[in-house]
């Protein structure tokens, strides 16, 4: 069982050692729920494998502090192991170190100056249709009402503001089928993909500064599929592209841009999610930025801050993990950052 009296690094290790790949978070959710129910100043509720623990002290403002319990698939990196000041293991950085900080601060801060909704949720690292935070917003939307949301995504203890939007599209490259022994009678769709790949290789991505944070876009080929059999010139090939766009563009504008760049090839949208503007000028967000210190930077990637942005709630990313290590086989967290993150979060909540 989770022991909330453990120091942050040991608590992180115990969380990492409970495997919780997306879709299999039940055991960890059970343990989180049981641990939080032992804390007298928290009221605890559950929706599926999402657990909410709330303070209700009558403060005028409420903050949601949220983190996902799931990880990407294990890559021979369990159980956790310590090497000097680094704790290795699946989910250490993304984001069980952040979950450990949440648990420790939630258990030991009975009278915060803002009421807090501590939200631990499932299925963030998989398809958006299964996202636990999305389910919570549909089933128990009152859980998310707040003046500020803090997502414990890995940021190396810097405030990462907003997030990029993302879309994926199939670029359809046509050709004409023929027998490979008479290839001149056909038009090889695989060969024609060079036109698309050249456009992508030559593409110059925008850099957009919003609220002092620079969002760097990217348009990349991430998959290519084609071919009929070993003796046929193929008449169709597809390239999947992923566009990460700054939050000053909506999804429709992002798709229009991709189609413009890759014209005359047909682009078929397969999925997309909007970004989130930083909103650092909002008083609640500015207060947290001041508590953390340093200059905020843009979140290069999509996170669930976008869900809070859509609800009109300012949201930021802040956690002890390193975003560059997330999802890697060598994933680790710097142990001193766990304690630093806890100090900052506790100081913000206690003043």
Protein backbone atom coordinates (compact mmCIF):
# COMPACT_ATOMS: atom_id res chain seq x y z
CA UNK A 1 0.00 0.00 0.00
CA UNK A 2 1.07 3.59 -0.60
CA UNK A 3 2.77 5.10 2.45
CA UNK A 4 2.23 8.87 2.43
CA UNK A 5 4.91 9.36 5.10
CA UNK A 6 7.69 8.26 2.74
CA UNK A 7 10.04 10.96 1.40
CA UNK A 8 9.34 12.06 -2.16
CA UNK A 9 11.94 9.88 -3.86
CA UNK A 10 10.90 6.72 -2.03
CA UNK A 11 7.22 7.44 -2.65
CA UNK A 12 7.98 7.96 -6.34
CA UNK A 13 9.77 4.60 -6.47
CA UNK A 14 6.83 2.84 -4.83
CA UNK A 15 4.44 4.37 -7.37
CA UNK A 16 6.68 3.42 -10.28
CA UNK A 17 6.79 -0.17 -9.04
CA UNK A 18 3.01 -0.45 -9.47
CA UNK A 19 2.71 -0.91 -13.27
CA UNK A 20 -0.04 1.31 -14.68
CA UNK A 21 0.16 1.26 -18.46
CA UNK A 22 -2.83 3.06 -20.00
CA UNK A 23 -5.94 1.00 -19.46
CA UNK A 24 -4.55 -0.91 -16.47
CA UNK A 25 -4.49 1.75 -13.76
CA UNK A 26 -7.06 0.14 -11.44
CA UNK A 27 -4.59 -1.18 -8.88
CA UNK A 28 -2.76 2.13 -8.60
CA UNK A 29 -6.06 4.05 -8.47
CA UNK A 30 -7.22 1.71 -5.67
CA UNK A 31 -4.07 2.41 -3.67
CA UNK A 32 -4.24 6.18 -4.25
CA UNK A 33 -7.90 6.21 -3.20
CA UNK A 34 -7.22 4.18 -0.05
CA UNK A 35 -4.26 6.36 0.94
CA UNK A 36 -6.18 9.61 0.50
CA UNK A 37 -9.21 8.32 2.39
CA UNK A 38 -6.95 8.02 5.44
CA UNK A 39 -6.36 11.81 5.40
CA UNK A 40 -9.01 13.47 7.59
CA UNK A 41 -9.07 16.88 5.90
CA UNK A 42 -9.80 15.46 2.43
CA UNK A 43 -13.07 14.29 0.94
CA UNK A 44 -12.51 11.60 -1.68
CA UNK A 45 -14.59 10.59 -4.70
CA UNK A 46 -13.98 8.28 -7.64
CA UNK A 47 -15.03 8.04 -11.30
CA UNK A 48 -13.75 4.89 -12.99
CA UNK A 49 -10.00 4.99 -12.35
CA UNK A 50 -9.96 8.72 -11.62
CA UNK A 51 -9.70 9.79 -7.98
CA UNK A 52 -10.57 13.23 -6.62
CA UNK A 53 -9.53 14.49 -3.16
CA UNK A 54 -10.83 17.92 -2.12
CA UNK A 55 -10.34 20.44 0.61
CA UNK A 56 -13.42 22.48 1.50
CA UNK A 57 -12.28 25.21 3.89
CA UNK A 58 -14.38 27.99 2.35
CA UNK A 59 -11.55 29.81 0.57
CA UNK A 60 -12.66 32.25 -2.15
CA UNK A 61 -10.56 30.57 -4.85
CA UNK A 62 -10.09 26.93 -5.86
CA UNK A 63 -7.16 25.34 -7.69
CA UNK A 64 -7.27 22.01 -9.52
CA UNK A 65 -3.93 20.19 -9.34
CA UNK A 66 -4.05 17.22 -11.69
CA UNK A 67 -1.83 14.37 -12.77
CA UNK A 68 -2.29 11.19 -14.75
CA UNK A 69 -1.67 7.79 -13.21
CA UNK A 70 -0.90 5.93 -16.43
CA UNK A 71 2.34 5.42 -18.32
CA UNK A 72 3.35 4.38 -21.80
CA UNK A 73 4.16 0.65 -22.23
CA UNK A 74 7.02 -0.67 -20.12
CA UNK A 75 10.34 -0.93 -21.97
CA UNK A 76 12.35 -3.30 -19.75
CA UNK A 77 12.54 -0.41 -17.27
CA UNK A 78 10.75 -1.85 -14.22
CA UNK A 79 11.24 -2.15 -11.32
CA UNK A 80 12.65 1.26 -10.46
CA UNK A 81 16.31 1.63 -9.57
CA UNK A 82 18.36 4.40 -8.06
CA UNK A 83 21.73 5.49 -9.37
CA UNK A 84 23.17 8.39 -7.42
CA UNK A 85 20.75 11.31 -7.63
CA UNK A 86 18.70 9.74 -10.41
CA UNK A 87 15.69 7.45 -10.07
CA UNK A 88 15.18 5.32 -13.18
CA UNK A 89 12.02 3.53 -14.29
CA UNK A 90 8.93 3.67 -16.46
CA UNK A 91 6.93 6.75 -15.53
CA UNK A 92 9.49 8.32 -13.22
CA UNK A 93 9.55 11.53 -15.23
CA UNK A 94 6.13 11.31 -16.86
CA UNK A 95 4.70 11.61 -14.31
CA UNK A 96 4.88 9.56 -11.13
CA UNK A 97 7.33 11.96 -9.52
CA UNK A 98 4.62 14.59 -9.96
CA UNK A 99 2.02 12.21 -8.53
CA UNK A 100 4.26 11.65 -5.48
CA UNK A 101 4.52 15.41 -4.94
CA UNK A 102 0.74 15.73 -5.20
CA UNK A 103 0.16 12.97 -2.65
CA UNK A 104 2.64 14.34 -0.13
CA UNK A 105 1.40 17.93 -0.33
CA UNK A 106 -2.26 16.86 -0.32
CA UNK A 107 -1.74 14.80 2.83
CA UNK A 108 0.15 17.47 4.77
CA UNK A 109 -1.60 20.73 3.85
CA UNK A 110 -4.89 20.79 5.77
CA UNK A 111 -5.47 24.55 5.51
CA UNK A 112 -4.33 25.84 2.11
CA UNK A 113 -4.96 29.48 1.25
CA UNK A 114 -6.80 28.29 -1.88
CA UNK A 115 -9.08 25.28 -1.69
CA UNK A 116 -7.59 22.46 -3.74
CA UNK A 117 -9.06 19.70 -5.88
CA UNK A 118 -6.37 17.02 -6.20
CA UNK A 119 -7.25 15.00 -9.30
CA UNK A 120 -5.51 11.74 -10.23
CA UNK A 121 -6.80 10.37 -13.54
CA UNK A 122 -6.34 7.57 -16.04
CA UNK A 123 -5.69 7.03 -19.75
CA UNK A 124 -3.81 10.18 -20.65
CA UNK A 125 -1.13 8.37 -22.66
CA UNK A 126 -3.59 6.85 -25.15
CA UNK A 127 -6.31 7.86 -27.60
CA UNK A 128 -8.19 11.01 -26.66
CA UNK A 129 -11.48 9.08 -26.71
CA UNK A 130 -10.34 7.15 -23.60
CA UNK A 131 -8.83 10.10 -21.70
CA UNK A 132 -9.89 10.00 -18.05
CA UNK A 133 -10.00 13.77 -17.74
CA UNK A 134 -12.33 13.92 -20.73
CA UNK A 135 -14.57 11.32 -19.08
CA UNK A 136 -14.56 13.28 -15.82
CA UNK A 137 -15.58 16.46 -17.66
CA UNK A 138 -18.57 14.58 -19.09
CA UNK A 139 -19.59 12.63 -15.97
CA UNK A 140 -18.61 14.85 -13.07
CA UNK A 141 -17.79 18.22 -14.60
CA UNK A 142 -18.07 20.00 -11.24
CA UNK A 143 -14.77 18.35 -10.27
CA UNK A 144 -13.00 20.66 -12.73
CA UNK A 145 -14.45 24.00 -11.62
CA UNK A 146 -11.58 26.21 -10.50
CA UNK A 147 -9.83 29.54 -10.90
CA UNK A 148 -6.59 27.83 -12.02
CA UNK A 149 -5.48 24.37 -13.09
CA UNK A 150 -1.95 23.04 -12.61
CA UNK A 151 -1.00 19.94 -14.63
CA UNK A 152 1.95 18.07 -13.12
CA UNK A 153 3.43 17.32 -16.53
CA UNK A 154 7.23 17.04 -16.65
CA UNK A 155 8.72 20.53 -17.00
CA UNK A 156 11.92 20.31 -14.89
CA UNK A 157 10.16 22.60 -12.37
CA UNK A 158 9.62 25.46 -14.80
CA UNK A 159 6.23 26.82 -15.70
CA UNK A 160 5.43 25.70 -19.24
CA UNK A 161 2.53 27.76 -20.49
CA UNK A 162 -0.36 26.72 -22.71
CA UNK A 163 0.30 23.97 -25.22
CA UNK A 164 0.53 23.33 -28.95
CA UNK A 165 -2.31 21.94 -30.97
CA UNK A 166 -1.79 18.74 -32.92
CA UNK A 167 -3.26 17.10 -35.99
CA UNK A 168 -2.55 14.03 -38.04
CA UNK A 169 -3.50 13.65 -41.68
CA UNK A 170 -3.05 11.10 -44.44
CA UNK A 171 -1.43 12.49 -47.55
CA UNK A 172 -2.70 10.44 -50.47
CA UNK A 173 -0.21 9.94 -53.30
CA UNK A 174 -1.88 8.47 -56.42
CA UNK A 175 -0.29 6.48 -59.23
CA UNK A 176 -1.21 3.95 -61.91
CA UNK A 177 -0.92 0.21 -61.40
CA UNK A 178 1.13 -1.92 -63.79
CA UNK A 179 3.12 -5.15 -63.94
CA UNK A 180 6.60 -4.50 -62.59
CA UNK A 181 8.07 -6.20 -65.68
CA UNK A 182 6.49 -3.38 -67.72
CA UNK A 183 6.89 -0.61 -65.18
CA UNK A 184 6.92 2.11 -67.86
CA UNK A 185 3.21 1.46 -68.38
CA UNK A 186 2.46 2.54 -64.81
CA UNK A 187 3.08 5.48 -62.50
CA UNK A 188 4.73 4.35 -59.27
CA UNK A 189 2.97 5.96 -56.30
CA UNK A 190 5.83 5.08 -53.95
CA UNK A 191 8.29 6.90 -56.19
CA UNK A 192 5.96 9.92 -56.25
CA UNK A 193 6.15 10.24 -52.47
CA UNK A 194 9.51 11.92 -53.03
CA UNK A 195 7.55 15.04 -54.04
CA UNK A 196 5.77 15.09 -50.68
CA UNK A 197 8.91 14.27 -48.72
CA UNK A 198 10.79 17.06 -50.45
CA UNK A 199 8.08 19.56 -49.47
CA UNK A 200 8.32 18.37 -45.88
CA UNK A 201 12.12 18.46 -45.85
CA UNK A 202 12.11 22.02 -47.18
CA UNK A 203 9.34 23.21 -44.85
CA UNK A 204 10.28 26.13 -42.61
CA UNK A 205 8.28 25.96 -39.40
CA UNK A 206 6.87 29.08 -37.77
CA UNK A 207 8.06 30.39 -34.45
CA UNK A 208 5.32 32.29 -32.66
CA UNK A 209 5.74 34.31 -29.45
CA UNK A 210 2.67 34.63 -27.21
CA UNK A 211 2.83 36.12 -23.70
CA UNK A 212 6.62 36.03 -24.00
CA UNK A 213 6.64 32.29 -24.74
CA UNK A 214 7.96 31.02 -28.09
CA UNK A 215 6.01 28.16 -29.66
CA UNK A 216 8.03 26.36 -32.31
CA UNK A 217 5.89 24.50 -34.83
CA UNK A 218 6.72 21.31 -36.69
CA UNK A 219 5.35 19.40 -39.68
CA UNK A 220 6.71 15.89 -39.97
CA UNK A 221 6.16 12.61 -41.79
CA UNK A 222 5.62 9.92 -39.16
CA UNK A 223 4.54 6.91 -41.25
CA UNK A 224 4.55 5.79 -44.88
CA UNK A 225 2.52 2.90 -46.31
CA UNK A 226 2.22 1.55 -49.84
CA UNK A 227 2.68 -1.39 -52.11
CA UNK A 228 0.50 -4.17 -53.54
CA UNK A 229 2.80 -7.15 -54.07
CA UNK A 230 6.32 -7.93 -55.19
CA UNK A 231 5.48 -7.74 -58.90
CA UNK A 232 3.09 -4.78 -59.05
CA UNK A 233 3.82 -1.10 -59.57
CA UNK A 234 1.62 0.45 -56.82
CA UNK A 235 -1.15 2.89 -57.67
CA UNK A 236 -1.50 4.36 -54.17
CA UNK A 237 0.73 5.29 -51.26
CA UNK A 238 -0.05 7.27 -48.12
CA UNK A 239 2.11 9.34 -45.82
CA UNK A 240 0.91 10.19 -42.32
CA UNK A 241 1.98 13.68 -41.28
CA UNK A 242 1.83 15.22 -37.82
CA UNK A 243 1.53 18.99 -37.49
CA UNK A 244 2.24 20.60 -34.12
CA UNK A 245 0.87 24.12 -34.33
CA UNK A 246 1.01 27.20 -32.13
CA UNK A 247 -2.14 27.97 -30.14
CA UNK A 248 -2.89 31.11 -32.16
CA UNK A 249 -4.22 28.76 -34.88
CA UNK A 250 -7.39 26.74 -34.49
CA UNK A 251 -7.83 23.24 -35.92
CA UNK A 252 -9.46 24.40 -39.17
CA UNK A 253 -6.68 26.89 -39.87
CA UNK A 254 -4.05 24.25 -39.07
CA UNK A 255 -5.55 21.77 -41.54
CA UNK A 256 -5.85 24.46 -44.20
CA UNK A 257 -2.16 25.25 -43.72
CA UNK A 258 -1.13 21.61 -44.14
CA UNK A 259 -3.21 21.32 -47.30
CA UNK A 260 -1.64 24.50 -48.66
CA UNK A 261 1.90 23.26 -47.96
CA UNK A 262 1.31 19.85 -49.56
CA UNK A 263 -0.83 20.95 -52.51
CA UNK A 264 -1.74 19.35 -54.94
CA UNK A 265 -1.79 16.15 -52.87
CA UNK A 266 -4.99 15.30 -51.00
CA UNK A 267 -4.79 15.54 -47.19
CA UNK A 268 -7.35 13.56 -45.18
CA UNK A 269 -7.65 14.55 -41.53
CA UNK A 270 -7.49 11.56 -39.14
CA UNK A 271 -7.47 13.32 -35.76
CA UNK A 272 -6.75 16.68 -34.20
CA UNK A 273 -6.82 18.53 -30.89
CA UNK A 274 -6.69 22.28 -30.30
CA UNK A 275 -3.93 24.03 -28.42
CA UNK A 276 -4.23 26.34 -25.43
CA UNK A 277 -3.16 29.97 -25.17
CA UNK A 278 -0.92 30.77 -22.18
CA UNK A 279 -3.27 33.23 -20.42
CA UNK A 280 -0.42 34.20 -18.11
CA UNK A 281 -1.99 37.62 -17.56
CA UNK A 282 -4.85 36.04 -15.61
CA UNK A 283 -4.42 36.90 -11.89
CA UNK A 284 -4.52 33.27 -10.71
CA UNK A 285 -1.92 32.20 -13.29
CA UNK A 286 0.29 35.21 -12.59
CA UNK A 287 0.24 34.42 -8.86
CA UNK A 288 1.47 30.88 -9.48
CA UNK A 289 4.18 32.06 -11.90
CA UNK A 290 5.41 34.48 -9.22
CA UNK A 291 5.48 31.66 -6.67
CA UNK A 292 7.57 29.44 -8.95
CA UNK A 293 9.92 32.19 -10.11
CA UNK A 294 11.85 32.34 -13.37
CA UNK A 295 10.48 33.01 -16.83
CA UNK A 296 7.73 30.74 -18.18
CA UNK A 297 8.37 28.95 -21.45
CA UNK A 298 6.04 27.48 -24.04
CA UNK A 299 4.84 23.90 -23.74
CA UNK A 300 6.05 22.18 -26.91
CA UNK A 301 3.53 19.39 -27.11
CA UNK A 302 -0.13 18.80 -26.33
CA UNK A 303 -1.31 18.38 -22.75
CA UNK A 304 -4.62 18.41 -20.91
CA UNK A 305 -4.22 22.12 -20.21
CA UNK A 306 -6.13 22.36 -23.50
CA UNK A 307 -9.18 20.78 -21.84
CA UNK A 308 -9.15 23.39 -19.08
CA UNK A 309 -8.58 26.17 -21.63
CA UNK A 310 -11.70 25.01 -23.46
CA UNK A 311 -13.61 25.35 -20.17
CA UNK A 312 -12.35 28.91 -19.73
CA UNK A 313 -9.96 27.99 -16.89
CA UNK A 314 -6.34 29.26 -17.01
CA UNK A 315 -3.96 26.30 -16.82
CA UNK A 316 -0.21 25.73 -16.69
CA UNK A 317 2.16 22.76 -16.76
CA UNK A 318 4.53 22.33 -13.81
CA UNK A 319 6.24 19.18 -12.57
CA UNK A 320 9.60 17.73 -11.48
CA UNK A 321 10.18 15.42 -14.45
CA UNK A 322 12.22 16.25 -17.54
CA UNK A 323 10.07 16.42 -20.70
CA UNK A 324 13.03 15.29 -22.81
CA UNK A 325 13.14 11.98 -20.94
CA UNK A 326 9.44 11.17 -21.12
CA UNK A 327 8.59 7.88 -22.89
CA UNK A 328 12.24 6.87 -23.27
CA UNK A 329 13.70 3.49 -22.32
CA UNK A 330 16.22 5.35 -20.13
CA UNK A 331 13.54 7.47 -18.39
CA UNK A 332 14.59 8.90 -15.03
CA UNK A 333 13.91 11.81 -12.70
CA UNK A 334 16.50 13.91 -10.91
CA UNK A 335 15.78 13.23 -7.24
CA UNK A 336 16.54 16.78 -5.97
CA UNK A 337 13.86 18.11 -8.34
CA UNK A 338 11.19 16.08 -6.53
CA UNK A 339 11.92 17.84 -3.25
CA UNK A 340 12.23 21.21 -5.00
CA UNK A 341 8.85 20.77 -6.68
CA UNK A 342 7.27 19.85 -3.35
CA UNK A 343 8.74 22.96 -1.67
CA UNK A 344 7.45 25.25 -4.40
CA UNK A 345 3.97 23.76 -4.47
CA UNK A 346 3.66 23.77 -0.68
CA UNK A 347 4.89 27.37 -0.49
CA UNK A 348 2.36 28.44 -3.13
CA UNK A 349 -0.51 26.80 -1.23
CA UNK A 350 0.50 28.05 2.21
CA UNK A 351 1.84 31.49 1.36
